[in-house]
Amino acid sequence: MSSTPAAYDGNQIKVLRGLEAVRKRPGMYIGETGKKGFHHMVWEILDNSIDEALGGNCDRIEVRVHKDEAAEQSADAGSTA
């Protein structure tokens, strides 16, 4: 059976807008979607909060890791909460 592969060109590319890209392909932004990616994401968010605090835009940062391994972060700065 001789089948030729379908042509691949710009028509097969879908541009994802806004947060849709992050939701559909989180590994592109955090490296992977397993525990390593989760830890990378938590550190990145914490790092951003620390930058806000050092810039004088935040006085309090809270990070909670729950028993089910979910994480919650909050800060009193508008861009990191």
Protein backbone atom coordinates (compact mmCIF):
# COMPACT_ATOMS: atom_id res chain seq x y z
CA MET A 1 0.00 0.00 0.00
CA SER A 2 1.52 3.26 -1.10
CA SER A 3 0.28 6.29 0.73
CA THR A 4 1.84 9.69 0.56
CA PRO A 5 1.94 11.73 3.74
CA ALA A 6 -0.30 14.76 3.87
CA ALA A 7 1.42 18.04 3.15
CA TYR A 8 2.32 20.02 6.23
CA ASP A 9 2.10 23.77 5.83
CA GLY A 10 0.80 26.86 7.59
CA ASN A 11 -2.79 25.66 7.26
CA GLN A 12 -2.14 23.01 9.94
CA ILE A 13 -0.88 25.56 12.49
CA LYS A 14 -3.41 26.84 15.00
CA VAL A 15 -2.56 30.01 16.89
CA LEU A 16 -3.69 29.81 20.50
CA ARG A 17 -4.55 33.13 22.10
CA GLY A 18 -4.23 34.28 25.69
CA LEU A 19 -4.40 31.64 28.41
CA GLU A 20 -5.75 29.06 25.97
CA ALA A 21 -2.15 28.28 24.99
CA VAL A 22 -1.11 27.70 28.61
CA ARG A 23 -4.16 25.51 29.30
CA LYS A 24 -3.68 23.37 26.19
CA ARG A 25 0.13 23.09 26.31
CA PRO A 26 1.35 23.73 29.88
CA GLY A 27 4.55 21.77 29.26
CA MET A 28 5.72 24.50 26.89
CA TYR A 29 5.74 26.95 29.78
CA ILE A 30 6.80 24.85 32.79
CA GLY A 31 8.83 22.13 31.09
CA GLU A 32 6.55 19.23 31.95
CA THR A 33 3.23 18.52 33.62
CA GLY A 34 4.43 16.11 36.32
CA LYS A 35 5.83 16.85 39.78
CA LYS A 36 8.95 18.51 38.37
CA GLY A 37 6.82 20.93 36.34
CA PHE A 38 4.61 21.59 39.37
CA HIS A 39 7.64 22.45 41.51
CA HIS A 40 9.02 24.67 38.75
CA MET A 41 5.71 26.54 38.58
CA VAL A 42 5.54 27.04 42.37
CA TRP A 43 9.12 28.36 42.46
CA GLU A 44 8.44 30.71 39.53
CA ILE A 45 5.36 32.18 41.22
CA LEU A 46 7.24 32.53 44.52
CA ASP A 47 10.16 34.18 42.73
CA ASN A 48 7.79 36.71 41.15
CA SER A 49 6.29 37.47 44.56
CA ILE A 50 9.75 37.99 46.07
CA ASP A 51 10.57 40.42 43.25
CA GLU A 52 7.39 42.36 44.09
CA ALA A 53 8.37 42.46 47.77
CA LEU A 54 11.89 43.64 46.98
CA GLY A 55 10.39 46.33 44.75
CA GLY A 56 8.29 47.61 47.66
CA ASN A 57 4.98 46.43 46.16
CA CYS A 58 4.28 43.66 48.64
CA ASP A 59 4.57 43.20 52.40
CA ARG A 60 3.35 39.64 52.84
CA ILE A 61 3.76 36.40 50.86
CA GLU A 62 2.08 33.16 51.85
CA VAL A 63 2.68 29.74 50.31
CA ARG A 64 0.76 26.69 51.45
CA VAL A 65 1.38 23.13 50.31
CA HIS A 66 -1.61 20.96 51.12
CA LYS A 67 -1.62 17.27 52.04
CA ASP A 68 -2.94 16.42 48.56
CA GLU A 69 0.18 18.19 47.14
CA ALA A 70 -1.82 21.13 45.82
CA ALA A 71 -0.20 24.51 46.40
CA GLU A 72 -1.68 27.89 47.16
CA GLN A 73 0.17 31.20 47.00
CA SER A 74 -1.02 34.65 47.92
CA ALA A 75 0.56 38.04 48.29
CA ASP A 76 -0.72 41.52 48.96
CA ALA A 77 0.58 42.75 45.60
CA GLY A 78 -1.88 43.03 42.73
CA SER A 79 0.18 41.29 40.06
CA THR A 80 1.18 38.17 42.00
CA ALA A 81 -1.92 37.22 43.98
